[in-house]
Amino acid sequence: MAEPKPERMEFLQGTLEMVILRTLLFGARHGYGIAQFIRQTSNDVLLAEAGSLYPALQRLEMQGLIRAKWEISENNRRVRYYRLTPAGRARLSSSISRWEEFVRAIATILKPSKAEE
């Protein structure tokens, strides 16, 4: 019997940028490669669609957190490759810290106390 497909989830505000920066920590990628990496590493739960991915890439580039350069892909096509900048690495580190703090706070709220049980 086949496993049910996981339900796709929307990105919370600000998390797409953090996930993009994390993806680029592993090396330069073009937009489609970033989207595929996010989909695959999230076990098909997160989908970075073009309508949100490319504006996020533009925002990150305007903030100096990533650099983009036109290159020829492995399929012999002209594509933009995105690379993390030192500022992007620093932002990623602070974003991960804030995200972990947020997750701990939510987990604390969701975990019932002895009095609630």
PDB file of N, CA and C in Angstrom:
ATOM      1  N   MET A   1       0.844  -1.183   0.000  1.00  0.00           N
ATOM      2  CA  MET A   1       0.000   0.000   0.000  1.00  0.00           C
ATOM      3  C   MET A   1       0.891   1.248   0.000  1.00  0.00           C
ATOM      4  N   ALA A   2       0.611   2.164  -0.873  1.00  0.00           N
ATOM      5  CA  ALA A   2       1.433   3.376  -1.005  1.00  0.00           C
ATOM      6  C   ALA A   2       1.183   4.317   0.169  1.00  0.00           C
ATOM      7  N   GLU A   3       2.258   4.994   0.585  1.00  0.00           N
ATOM      8  CA  GLU A   3       2.128   5.991   1.655  1.00  0.00           C
ATOM      9  C   GLU A   3       1.358   7.186   1.130  1.00  0.00           C
ATOM     10  N   PRO A   4       0.495   7.762   1.977  1.00  0.00           N
ATOM     11  CA  PRO A   4      -0.223   8.965   1.517  1.00  0.00           C
ATOM     12  C   PRO A   4       0.758  10.111   1.304  1.00  0.00           C
ATOM     13  N   LYS A   5       0.458  10.942   0.307  1.00  0.00           N
ATOM     14  CA  LYS A   5       1.304  12.115   0.047  1.00  0.00           C
ATOM     15  C   LYS A   5       1.179  13.087   1.200  1.00  0.00           C
ATOM     16  N   PRO A   6       2.301  13.680   1.624  1.00  0.00           N
ATOM     17  CA  PRO A   6       2.206  14.670   2.701  1.00  0.00           C
ATOM     18  C   PRO A   6       1.438  15.891   2.226  1.00  0.00           C
ATOM     19  N   GLU A   7       0.739  16.512   3.154  1.00  0.00           N
ATOM     20  CA  GLU A   7       0.005  17.729   2.829  1.00  0.00           C
ATOM     21  C   GLU A   7       0.989  18.873   2.666  1.00  0.00           C
ATOM     22  N   ARG A   8       0.859  19.602   1.579  1.00  0.00           N
ATOM     23  CA  ARG A   8       1.755  20.740   1.338  1.00  0.00           C
ATOM     24  C   ARG A   8       1.419  21.857   2.306  1.00  0.00           C
ATOM     25  N   MET A   9       2.467  22.563   2.728  1.00  0.00           N
ATOM     26  CA  MET A   9       2.294  23.657   3.672  1.00  0.00           C
ATOM     27  C   MET A   9       2.796  24.953   3.058  1.00  0.00           C
ATOM     28  N   GLU A  10       2.205  26.047   3.472  1.00  0.00           N
ATOM     29  CA  GLU A  10       2.636  27.382   3.053  1.00  0.00           C
ATOM     30  C   GLU A  10       3.818  27.813   3.918  1.00  0.00           C
ATOM     31  N   PHE A  11       4.683  28.631   3.360  1.00  0.00           N
ATOM     32  CA  PHE A  11       5.773  29.208   4.141  1.00  0.00           C
ATOM     33  C   PHE A  11       5.207  30.282   5.054  1.00  0.00           C
ATOM     34  N   LEU A  12       5.668  30.313   6.295  1.00  0.00           N
ATOM     35  CA  LEU A  12       5.337  31.418   7.183  1.00  0.00           C
ATOM     36  C   LEU A  12       6.122  32.631   6.713  1.00  0.00           C
ATOM     37  N   GLN A  13       5.623  33.826   6.985  1.00  0.00           N
ATOM     38  CA  GLN A  13       6.295  35.036   6.538  1.00  0.00           C
ATOM     39  C   GLN A  13       7.746  35.043   7.026  1.00  0.00           C
ATOM     40  N   GLY A  14       8.670  35.280   6.108  1.00  0.00           N
ATOM     41  CA  GLY A  14      10.085  35.361   6.448  1.00  0.00           C
ATOM     42  C   GLY A  14      10.834  34.038   6.408  1.00  0.00           C
ATOM     43  N   THR A  15      10.116  32.930   6.404  1.00  0.00           N
ATOM     44  CA  THR A  15      10.827  31.646   6.439  1.00  0.00           C
ATOM     45  C   THR A  15      11.368  31.246   5.072  1.00  0.00           C
ATOM     46  N   LEU A  16      10.719  31.662   3.994  1.00  0.00           N
ATOM     47  CA  LEU A  16      11.223  31.316   2.664  1.00  0.00           C
ATOM     48  C   LEU A  16      12.626  31.879   2.477  1.00  0.00           C
ATOM     49  N   GLU A  17      12.836  33.123   2.874  1.00  0.00           N
ATOM     50  CA  GLU A  17      14.166  33.725   2.734  1.00  0.00           C
ATOM     51  C   GLU A  17      15.203  32.948   3.526  1.00  0.00           C
ATOM     52  N   MET A  18      14.854  32.539   4.747  1.00  0.00           N
ATOM     53  CA  MET A  18      15.785  31.768   5.573  1.00  0.00           C
ATOM     54  C   MET A  18      16.107  30.425   4.905  1.00  0.00           C
ATOM     55  N   VAL A  19      15.102  29.779   4.353  1.00  0.00           N
ATOM     56  CA  VAL A  19      15.309  28.482   3.703  1.00  0.00           C
ATOM     57  C   VAL A  19      16.156  28.649   2.436  1.00  0.00           C
ATOM     58  N   ILE A  20      15.948  29.723   1.697  1.00  0.00           N
ATOM     59  CA  ILE A  20      16.776  29.983   0.514  1.00  0.00           C
ATOM     60  C   ILE A  20      18.237  30.167   0.932  1.00  0.00           C
ATOM     61  N   LEU A  21      18.474  30.981   1.954  1.00  0.00           N
ATOM     62  CA  LEU A  21      19.848  31.198   2.421  1.00  0.00           C
ATOM     63  C   LEU A  21      20.478  29.882   2.858  1.00  0.00           C
ATOM     64  N   ARG A  22      19.717  29.058   3.552  1.00  0.00           N
ATOM     65  CA  ARG A  22      20.226  27.753   4.005  1.00  0.00           C
ATOM     66  C   ARG A  22      20.563  26.872   2.809  1.00  0.00           C
ATOM     67  N   THR A  23      19.721  26.897   1.799  1.00  0.00           N
ATOM     68  CA  THR A  23      19.961  26.109   0.583  1.00  0.00           C
ATOM     69  C   THR A  23      21.255  26.543  -0.093  1.00  0.00           C
ATOM     70  N   LEU A  24      21.491  27.854  -0.143  1.00  0.00           N
ATOM     71  CA  LEU A  24      22.699  28.361  -0.815  1.00  0.00           C
ATOM     72  C   LEU A  24      23.956  28.169   0.015  1.00  0.00           C
ATOM     73  N   LEU A  25      23.806  27.799   1.270  1.00  0.00           N
ATOM     74  CA  LEU A  25      24.967  27.482   2.103  1.00  0.00           C
ATOM     75  C   LEU A  25      25.738  26.302   1.509  1.00  0.00           C
ATOM     76  N   PHE A  26      25.057  25.457   0.782  1.00  0.00           N
ATOM     77  CA  PHE A  26      25.666  24.270   0.179  1.00  0.00           C
ATOM     78  C   PHE A  26      26.291  24.550  -1.179  1.00  0.00           C
ATOM     79  N   GLY A  27      26.174  25.786  -1.676  1.00  0.00           N
ATOM     80  CA  GLY A  27      26.770  26.142  -2.957  1.00  0.00           C
ATOM     81  C   GLY A  27      25.776  26.848  -3.856  1.00  0.00           C
ATOM     82  N   ALA A  28      26.286  27.373  -4.957  1.00  0.00           N
ATOM     83  CA  ALA A  28      25.479  28.139  -5.907  1.00  0.00           C
ATOM     84  C   ALA A  28      24.430  27.247  -6.561  1.00  0.00           C
ATOM     85  N   ARG A  29      23.269  27.815  -6.781  1.00  0.00           N
ATOM     86  CA  ARG A  29      22.180  27.108  -7.456  1.00  0.00           C
ATOM     87  C   ARG A  29      21.376  28.119  -8.268  1.00  0.00           C
ATOM     88  N   HIS A  30      20.724  27.618  -9.305  1.00  0.00           N
ATOM     89  CA  HIS A  30      19.779  28.455 -10.042  1.00  0.00           C
ATOM     90  C   HIS A  30      18.417  28.308  -9.387  1.00  0.00           C
ATOM     91  N   GLY A  31      17.465  29.158  -9.767  1.00  0.00           N
ATOM     92  CA  GLY A  31      16.157  29.189  -9.123  1.00  0.00           C
ATOM     93  C   GLY A  31      15.466  27.841  -9.084  1.00  0.00           C
ATOM     94  N   TYR A  32      15.445  27.141 -10.222  1.00  0.00           N
ATOM     95  CA  TYR A  32      14.789  25.833 -10.263  1.00  0.00           C
ATOM     96  C   TYR A  32      15.490  24.853  -9.321  1.00  0.00           C
ATOM     97  N   GLY A  33      16.817  24.924  -9.272  1.00  0.00           N
ATOM     98  CA  GLY A  33      17.574  24.051  -8.376  1.00  0.00           C
ATOM     99  C   GLY A  33      17.269  24.333  -6.911  1.00  0.00           C
ATOM    100  N   ILE A  34      17.073  25.603  -6.582  1.00  0.00           N
ATOM    101  CA  ILE A  34      16.706  25.982  -5.210  1.00  0.00           C
ATOM    102  C   ILE A  34      15.337  25.393  -4.875  1.00  0.00           C
ATOM    103  N   ALA A  35      14.378  25.571  -5.784  1.00  0.00           N
ATOM    104  CA  ALA A  35      13.022  25.054  -5.561  1.00  0.00           C
ATOM    105  C   ALA A  35      13.041  23.536  -5.394  1.00  0.00           C
ATOM    106  N   GLN A  36      13.801  22.843  -6.229  1.00  0.00           N
ATOM    107  CA  GLN A  36      13.884  21.377  -6.148  1.00  0.00           C
ATOM    108  C   GLN A  36      14.521  20.932  -4.833  1.00  0.00           C
ATOM    109  N   PHE A  37      15.584  21.616  -4.417  1.00  0.00           N
ATOM    110  CA  PHE A  37      16.254  21.273  -3.166  1.00  0.00           C
ATOM    111  C   PHE A  37      15.298  21.418  -1.990  1.00  0.00           C
ATOM    112  N   ILE A  38      14.539  22.509  -1.959  1.00  0.00           N
ATOM    113  CA  ILE A  38      13.582  22.746  -0.874  1.00  0.00           C
ATOM    114  C   ILE A  38      12.515  21.653  -0.870  1.00  0.00           C
ATOM    115  N   ARG A  39      11.981  21.339  -2.044  1.00  0.00           N
ATOM    116  CA  ARG A  39      10.948  20.309  -2.137  1.00  0.00           C
ATOM    117  C   ARG A  39      11.475  18.957  -1.678  1.00  0.00           C
ATOM    118  N   GLN A  40      12.651  18.585  -2.172  1.00  0.00           N
ATOM    119  CA  GLN A  40      13.213  17.268  -1.855  1.00  0.00           C
ATOM    120  C   GLN A  40      13.612  17.145  -0.391  1.00  0.00           C
ATOM    121  N   THR A  41      14.264  18.167   0.146  1.00  0.00           N
ATOM    122  CA  THR A  41      14.734  18.058   1.526  1.00  0.00           C
ATOM    123  C   THR A  41      13.603  18.205   2.537  1.00  0.00           C
ATOM    124  N   SER A  42      12.453  18.725   2.109  1.00  0.00           N
ATOM    125  CA  SER A  42      11.299  18.809   3.015  1.00  0.00           C
ATOM    126  C   SER A  42      10.350  17.627   2.807  1.00  0.00           C
ATOM    127  N   ASN A  43      10.798  16.625   2.060  1.00  0.00           N
ATOM    128  CA  ASN A  43       9.960  15.451   1.764  1.00  0.00           C
ATOM    129  C   ASN A  43       8.635  15.850   1.114  1.00  0.00           C
ATOM    130  N   ASP A  44       8.714  16.769   0.163  1.00  0.00           N
ATOM    131  CA  ASP A  44       7.564  17.227  -0.618  1.00  0.00           C
ATOM    132  C   ASP A  44       6.521  17.993   0.187  1.00  0.00           C
ATOM    133  N   VAL A  45       6.886  18.483   1.363  1.00  0.00           N
ATOM    134  CA  VAL A  45       5.939  19.250   2.180  1.00  0.00           C
ATOM    135  C   VAL A  45       5.982  20.726   1.801  1.00  0.00           C
ATOM    136  N   LEU A  46       7.180  21.256   1.555  1.00  0.00           N
ATOM    137  CA  LEU A  46       7.327  22.672   1.203  1.00  0.00           C
ATOM    138  C   LEU A  46       7.545  22.813  -0.294  1.00  0.00           C
ATOM    139  N   LEU A  47       6.794  23.696  -0.891  1.00  0.00           N
ATOM    140  CA  LEU A  47       6.893  23.945  -2.322  1.00  0.00           C
ATOM    141  C   LEU A  47       7.155  25.423  -2.531  1.00  0.00           C
ATOM    142  N   ALA A  48       8.334  25.742  -3.056  1.00  0.00           N
ATOM    143  CA  ALA A  48       8.687  27.140  -3.350  1.00  0.00           C
ATOM    144  C   ALA A  48       8.283  27.419  -4.790  1.00  0.00           C
ATOM    145  N   GLU A  49       7.104  27.986  -4.956  1.00  0.00           N
ATOM    146  CA  GLU A  49       6.596  28.259  -6.293  1.00  0.00           C
ATOM    147  C   GLU A  49       7.249  29.517  -6.855  1.00  0.00           C
ATOM    148  N   ALA A  50       7.327  29.588  -8.171  1.00  0.00           N
ATOM    149  CA  ALA A  50       8.004  30.696  -8.850  1.00  0.00           C
ATOM    150  C   ALA A  50       7.469  32.055  -8.409  1.00  0.00           C
ATOM    151  N   GLY A  51       6.168  32.160  -8.168  1.00  0.00           N
ATOM    152  CA  GLY A  51       5.553  33.425  -7.791  1.00  0.00           C
ATOM    153  C   GLY A  51       6.018  33.963  -6.450  1.00  0.00           C
ATOM    154  N   SER A  52       6.552  33.116  -5.603  1.00  0.00           N
ATOM    155  CA  SER A  52       7.105  33.572  -4.322  1.00  0.00           C
ATOM    156  C   SER A  52       8.621  33.443  -4.289  1.00  0.00           C
ATOM    157  N   LEU A  53       9.172  32.439  -4.992  1.00  0.00           N
ATOM    158  CA  LEU A  53      10.617  32.205  -4.973  1.00  0.00           C
ATOM    159  C   LEU A  53      11.394  33.357  -5.613  1.00  0.00           C
ATOM    160  N   TYR A  54      11.017  33.750  -6.826  1.00  0.00           N
ATOM    161  CA  TYR A  54      11.811  34.753  -7.538  1.00  0.00           C
ATOM    162  C   TYR A  54      11.727  36.140  -6.898  1.00  0.00           C
ATOM    163  N   PRO A  55      10.572  36.572  -6.405  1.00  0.00           N
ATOM    164  CA  PRO A  55      10.571  37.842  -5.660  1.00  0.00           C
ATOM    165  C   PRO A  55      11.436  37.763  -4.391  1.00  0.00           C
ATOM    166  N   ALA A  56      11.449  36.613  -3.718  1.00  0.00           N
ATOM    167  CA  ALA A  56      12.296  36.459  -2.522  1.00  0.00           C
ATOM    168  C   ALA A  56      13.772  36.533  -2.919  1.00  0.00           C
ATOM    169  N   LEU A  57      14.134  35.913  -4.030  1.00  0.00           N
ATOM    170  CA  LEU A  57      15.521  35.987  -4.507  1.00  0.00           C
ATOM    171  C   LEU A  57      15.895  37.433  -4.819  1.00  0.00           C
ATOM    172  N   GLN A  58      14.996  38.174  -5.429  1.00  0.00           N
ATOM    173  CA  GLN A  58      15.259  39.593  -5.737  1.00  0.00           C
ATOM    174  C   GLN A  58      15.446  40.402  -4.451  1.00  0.00           C
ATOM    175  N   ARG A  59      14.595  40.152  -3.457  1.00  0.00           N
ATOM    176  CA  ARG A  59      14.728  40.874  -2.183  1.00  0.00           C
ATOM    177  C   ARG A  59      16.073  40.577  -1.537  1.00  0.00           C
ATOM    178  N   LEU A  60      16.457  39.294  -1.527  1.00  0.00           N
ATOM    179  CA  LEU A  60      17.727  38.898  -0.909  1.00  0.00           C
ATOM    180  C   LEU A  60      18.909  39.523  -1.651  1.00  0.00           C
ATOM    181  N   GLU A  61      18.802  39.597  -2.975  1.00  0.00           N
ATOM    182  CA  GLU A  61      19.873  40.206  -3.768  1.00  0.00           C
ATOM    183  C   GLU A  61      19.959  41.706  -3.496  1.00  0.00           C
ATOM    184  N   MET A  62      18.814  42.379  -3.411  1.00  0.00           N
ATOM    185  CA  MET A  62      18.799  43.819  -3.139  1.00  0.00           C
ATOM    186  C   MET A  62      19.361  44.129  -1.751  1.00  0.00           C
ATOM    187  N   GLN A  63      19.208  43.211  -0.816  1.00  0.00           N
ATOM    188  CA  GLN A  63      19.728  43.394   0.533  1.00  0.00           C
ATOM    189  C   GLN A  63      21.212  43.012   0.635  1.00  0.00           C
ATOM    190  N   GLY A  64      21.788  42.504  -0.456  1.00  0.00           N
ATOM    191  CA  GLY A  64      23.198  42.118  -0.457  1.00  0.00           C
ATOM    192  C   GLY A  64      23.466  40.795   0.239  1.00  0.00           C
ATOM    193  N   LEU A  65      22.425  39.983   0.414  1.00  0.00           N
ATOM    194  CA  LEU A  65      22.585  38.704   1.108  1.00  0.00           C
ATOM    195  C   LEU A  65      22.949  37.572   0.150  1.00  0.00           C
ATOM    196  N   ILE A  66      22.633  37.768  -1.123  1.00  0.00           N
ATOM    197  CA  ILE A  66      23.032  36.827  -2.171  1.00  0.00           C
ATOM    198  C   ILE A  66      23.520  37.625  -3.369  1.00  0.00           C
ATOM    199  N   ARG A  67      24.292  36.967  -4.233  1.00  0.00           N
ATOM    200  CA  ARG A  67      24.724  37.543  -5.511  1.00  0.00           C
ATOM    201  C   ARG A  67      24.185  36.655  -6.610  1.00  0.00           C
ATOM    202  N   ALA A  68      23.866  37.248  -7.735  1.00  0.00           N
ATOM    203  CA  ALA A  68      23.378  36.488  -8.883  1.00  0.00           C
ATOM    204  C   ALA A  68      24.278  36.745 -10.076  1.00  0.00           C
ATOM    205  N   LYS A  69      24.476  35.705 -10.867  1.00  0.00           N
ATOM    206  CA  LYS A  69      25.323  35.820 -12.057  1.00  0.00           C
ATOM    207  C   LYS A  69      24.765  34.899 -13.134  1.00  0.00           C
ATOM    208  N   TRP A  70      24.681  35.437 -14.350  1.00  0.00           N
ATOM    209  CA  TRP A  70      24.233  34.618 -15.477  1.00  0.00           C
ATOM    210  C   TRP A  70      25.342  33.661 -15.868  1.00  0.00           C
ATOM    211  N   GLU A  71      24.997  32.387 -16.002  1.00  0.00           N
ATOM    212  CA  GLU A  71      25.944  31.351 -16.411  1.00  0.00           C
ATOM    213  C   GLU A  71      25.220  30.350 -17.299  1.00  0.00           C
ATOM    214  N   ILE A  72      25.983  29.429 -17.846  1.00  0.00           N
ATOM    215  CA  ILE A  72      25.415  28.351 -18.662  1.00  0.00           C
ATOM    216  C   ILE A  72      25.224  27.132 -17.767  1.00  0.00           C
ATOM    217  N   SER A  73      24.009  26.578 -17.785  1.00  0.00           N
ATOM    218  CA  SER A  73      23.682  25.433 -16.929  1.00  0.00           C
ATOM    219  C   SER A  73      24.229  24.136 -17.528  1.00  0.00           C
ATOM    220  N   GLU A  74      24.051  23.064 -16.769  1.00  0.00           N
ATOM    221  CA  GLU A  74      24.462  21.733 -17.232  1.00  0.00           C
ATOM    222  C   GLU A  74      23.657  21.304 -18.464  1.00  0.00           C
ATOM    223  N   ASN A  75      22.505  21.937 -18.697  1.00  0.00           N
ATOM    224  CA  ASN A  75      21.674  21.656 -19.874  1.00  0.00           C
ATOM    225  C   ASN A  75      21.958  22.626 -21.015  1.00  0.00           C
ATOM    226  N   ASN A  76      23.057  23.372 -20.883  1.00  0.00           N
ATOM    227  CA  ASN A  76      23.481  24.324 -21.901  1.00  0.00           C
ATOM    228  C   ASN A  76      22.484  25.467 -22.089  1.00  0.00           C
ATOM    229  N   ARG A  77      21.851  25.864 -20.988  1.00  0.00           N
ATOM    230  CA  ARG A  77      20.924  26.996 -21.005  1.00  0.00           C
ATOM    231  C   ARG A  77      21.488  28.116 -20.157  1.00  0.00           C
ATOM    232  N   ARG A  78      21.143  29.328 -20.531  1.00  0.00           N
ATOM    233  CA  ARG A  78      21.580  30.505 -19.762  1.00  0.00           C
ATOM    234  C   ARG A  78      20.647  30.675 -18.568  1.00  0.00           C
ATOM    235  N   VAL A  79      21.203  30.573 -17.364  1.00  0.00           N
ATOM    236  CA  VAL A  79      20.405  30.692 -16.134  1.00  0.00           C
ATOM    237  C   VAL A  79      21.151  31.560 -15.136  1.00  0.00           C
ATOM    238  N   ARG A  80      20.396  32.096 -14.174  1.00  0.00           N
ATOM    239  CA  ARG A  80      21.012  32.891 -13.105  1.00  0.00           C
ATOM    240  C   ARG A  80      21.343  31.964 -11.949  1.00  0.00           C
ATOM    241  N   TYR A  81      22.600  31.965 -11.572  1.00  0.00           N
ATOM    242  CA  TYR A  81      23.040  31.223 -10.397  1.00  0.00           C
ATOM    243  C   TYR A  81      23.145  32.186  -9.222  1.00  0.00           C
ATOM    244  N   TYR A  82      22.651  31.752  -8.088  1.00  0.00           N
ATOM    245  CA  TYR A  82      22.644  32.565  -6.877  1.00  0.00           C
ATOM    246  C   TYR A  82      23.663  32.013  -5.894  1.00  0.00           C
ATOM    247  N   ARG A  83      24.408  32.916  -5.260  1.00  0.00           N
ATOM    248  CA  ARG A  83      25.435  32.549  -4.287  1.00  0.00           C
ATOM    249  C   ARG A  83      25.225  33.349  -3.007  1.00  0.00           C
ATOM    250  N   LEU A  84      25.536  32.724  -1.905  1.00  0.00           N
ATOM    251  CA  LEU A  84      25.442  33.367  -0.601  1.00  0.00           C
ATOM    252  C   LEU A  84      26.619  34.326  -0.423  1.00  0.00           C
ATOM    253  N   THR A  85      26.382  35.492   0.120  1.00  0.00           N
ATOM    254  CA  THR A  85      27.452  36.450   0.433  1.00  0.00           C
ATOM    255  C   THR A  85      27.808  36.313   1.918  1.00  0.00           C
ATOM    256  N   PRO A  86      28.911  36.900   2.350  1.00  0.00           N
ATOM    257  CA  PRO A  86      29.223  36.890   3.785  1.00  0.00           C
ATOM    258  C   PRO A  86      28.085  37.485   4.631  1.00  0.00           C
ATOM    259  N   ALA A  87      27.462  38.545   4.129  1.00  0.00           N
ATOM    260  CA  ALA A  87      26.320  39.132   4.847  1.00  0.00           C
ATOM    261  C   ALA A  87      25.161  38.138   4.918  1.00  0.00           C
ATOM    262  N   GLY A  88      24.984  37.347   3.859  1.00  0.00           N
ATOM    263  CA  GLY A  88      23.939  36.329   3.841  1.00  0.00           C
ATOM    264  C   GLY A  88      24.206  35.229   4.861  1.00  0.00           C
ATOM    265  N   ARG A  89      25.469  34.854   5.003  1.00  0.00           N
ATOM    266  CA  ARG A  89      25.827  33.848   6.023  1.00  0.00           C
ATOM    267  C   ARG A  89      25.512  34.370   7.423  1.00  0.00           C
ATOM    268  N   ALA A  90      25.838  35.633   7.670  1.00  0.00           N
ATOM    269  CA  ALA A  90      25.567  36.233   8.981  1.00  0.00           C
ATOM    270  C   ALA A  90      24.062  36.295   9.231  1.00  0.00           C
ATOM    271  N   ARG A  91      23.297  36.704   8.212  1.00  0.00           N
ATOM    272  CA  ARG A  91      21.833  36.781   8.365  1.00  0.00           C
ATOM    273  C   ARG A  91      21.255  35.385   8.611  1.00  0.00           C
ATOM    274  N   LEU A  92      21.768  34.389   7.899  1.00  0.00           N
ATOM    275  CA  LEU A  92      21.291  33.018   8.090  1.00  0.00           C
ATOM    276  C   LEU A  92      21.492  32.580   9.531  1.00  0.00           C
ATOM    277  N   SER A  93      22.657  32.846  10.059  1.00  0.00           N
ATOM    278  CA  SER A  93      22.952  32.464  11.438  1.00  0.00           C
ATOM    279  C   SER A  93      21.972  33.112  12.420  1.00  0.00           C
ATOM    280  N   SER A  94      21.734  34.414  12.267  1.00  0.00           N
ATOM    281  CA  SER A  94      20.811  35.097  13.186  1.00  0.00           C
ATOM    282  C   SER A  94      19.374  34.633  12.955  1.00  0.00           C
ATOM    283  N   SER A  95      19.007  34.355  11.707  1.00  0.00           N
ATOM    284  CA  SER A  95      17.654  33.877  11.409  1.00  0.00           C
ATOM    285  C   SER A  95      17.401  32.508  12.036  1.00  0.00           C
ATOM    286  N   ILE A  96      18.398  31.643  11.964  1.00  0.00           N
ATOM    287  CA  ILE A  96      18.252  30.308  12.562  1.00  0.00           C
ATOM    288  C   ILE A  96      18.090  30.432  14.068  1.00  0.00           C
ATOM    289  N   SER A  97      18.868  31.297  14.698  1.00  0.00           N
ATOM    290  CA  SER A  97      18.751  31.499  16.149  1.00  0.00           C
ATOM    291  C   SER A  97      17.357  31.990  16.528  1.00  0.00           C
ATOM    292  N   ARG A  98      16.846  32.981  15.771  1.00  0.00           N
ATOM    293  CA  ARG A  98      15.501  33.505  16.050  1.00  0.00           C
ATOM    294  C   ARG A  98      14.440  32.441  15.816  1.00  0.00           C
ATOM    295  N   TRP A  99      14.613  31.650  14.737  1.00  0.00           N
ATOM    296  CA  TRP A  99      13.653  30.593  14.419  1.00  0.00           C
ATOM    297  C   TRP A  99      13.634  29.541  15.538  1.00  0.00           C
ATOM    298  N   GLU A 100      14.807  29.128  15.998  1.00  0.00           N
ATOM    299  CA  GLU A 100      14.871  28.133  17.073  1.00  0.00           C
ATOM    300  C   GLU A 100      14.223  28.649  18.351  1.00  0.00           C
ATOM    301  N   GLU A 101      14.411  29.932  18.650  1.00  0.00           N
ATOM    302  CA  GLU A 101      13.770  30.531  19.821  1.00  0.00           C
ATOM    303  C   GLU A 101      12.246  30.531  19.652  1.00  0.00           C
ATOM    304  N   PHE A 102      11.779  30.863  18.457  1.00  0.00           N
ATOM    305  CA  PHE A 102      10.345  30.857  18.152  1.00  0.00           C
ATOM    306  C   PHE A 102       9.773  29.451  18.322  1.00  0.00           C
ATOM    307  N   VAL A 103      10.453  28.452  17.774  1.00  0.00           N
ATOM    308  CA  VAL A 103       9.983  27.063  17.864  1.00  0.00           C
ATOM    309  C   VAL A 103       9.916  26.611  19.320  1.00  0.00           C
ATOM    310  N   ARG A 104      10.932  26.959  20.114  1.00  0.00           N
ATOM    311  CA  ARG A 104      10.907  26.599  21.545  1.00  0.00           C
ATOM    312  C   ARG A 104       9.716  27.245  22.245  1.00  0.00           C
ATOM    313  N   ALA A 105       9.442  28.501  21.941  1.00  0.00           N
ATOM    314  CA  ALA A 105       8.323  29.203  22.574  1.00  0.00           C
ATOM    315  C   ALA A 105       6.994  28.547  22.207  1.00  0.00           C
ATOM    316  N   ILE A 106       6.806  28.225  20.935  1.00  0.00           N
ATOM    317  CA  ILE A 106       5.567  27.565  20.508  1.00  0.00           C
ATOM    318  C   ILE A 106       5.455  26.185  21.147  1.00  0.00           C
ATOM    319  N   ALA A 107       6.549  25.434  21.186  1.00  0.00           N
ATOM    320  CA  ALA A 107       6.537  24.110  21.801  1.00  0.00           C
ATOM    321  C   ALA A 107       6.159  24.193  23.275  1.00  0.00           C
ATOM    322  N   THR A 108       6.635  25.216  23.955  1.00  0.00           N
ATOM    323  CA  THR A 108       6.302  25.411  25.365  1.00  0.00           C
ATOM    324  C   THR A 108       4.804  25.659  25.531  1.00  0.00           C
ATOM    325  N   ILE A 109       4.246  26.451  24.642  1.00  0.00           N
ATOM    326  CA  ILE A 109       2.812  26.735  24.704  1.00  0.00           C
ATOM    327  C   ILE A 109       1.996  25.477  24.406  1.00  0.00           C
ATOM    328  N   LEU A 110       2.421  24.708  23.436  1.00  0.00           N
ATOM    329  CA  LEU A 110       1.665  23.524  23.021  1.00  0.00           C
ATOM    330  C   LEU A 110       1.808  22.343  23.980  1.00  0.00           C
ATOM    331  N   LYS A 111       2.909  22.304  24.704  1.00  0.00           N
ATOM    332  CA  LYS A 111       3.147  21.196  25.626  1.00  0.00           C
ATOM    333  C   LYS A 111       2.332  21.455  26.900  1.00  0.00           C
ATOM    334  N   PRO A 112       1.436  20.544  27.218  1.00  0.00           N
ATOM    335  CA  PRO A 112       0.609  20.788  28.409  1.00  0.00           C
ATOM    336  C   PRO A 112       1.445  20.702  29.686  1.00  0.00           C
ATOM    337  N   SER A 113       1.115  21.584  30.618  1.00  0.00           N
ATOM    338  CA  SER A 113       1.776  21.543  31.918  1.00  0.00           C
ATOM    339  C   SER A 113       1.111  20.454  32.758  1.00  0.00           C
ATOM    340  N   LYS A 114       1.727  20.087  33.853  1.00  0.00           N
ATOM    341  CA  LYS A 114       1.155  19.068  34.757  1.00  0.00           C
ATOM    342  C   LYS A 114      -0.231  19.486  35.218  1.00  0.00           C
ATOM    343  N   ALA A 115      -0.427  20.774  35.458  1.00  0.00           N
ATOM    344  CA  ALA A 115      -1.711  21.280  35.947  1.00  0.00           C
ATOM    345  C   ALA A 115      -2.802  21.117  34.898  1.00  0.00           C
ATOM    346  N   GLU A 116      -2.430  21.168  33.585  1.00  0.00           N
ATOM    347  CA  GLU A 116      -3.418  21.070  32.506  1.00  0.00           C
ATOM    348  C   GLU A 116      -3.811  19.629  32.190  1.00  0.00           C
ATOM    349  N   GLU A 117      -2.975  18.697  32.581  1.00  0.00           N
ATOM    350  CA  GLU A 117      -3.235  17.282  32.224  1.00  0.00           C
ATOM    351  C   GLU A 117      -4.355  16.676  33.002  1.00  0.00           C
TER     352      GLU A 117
END
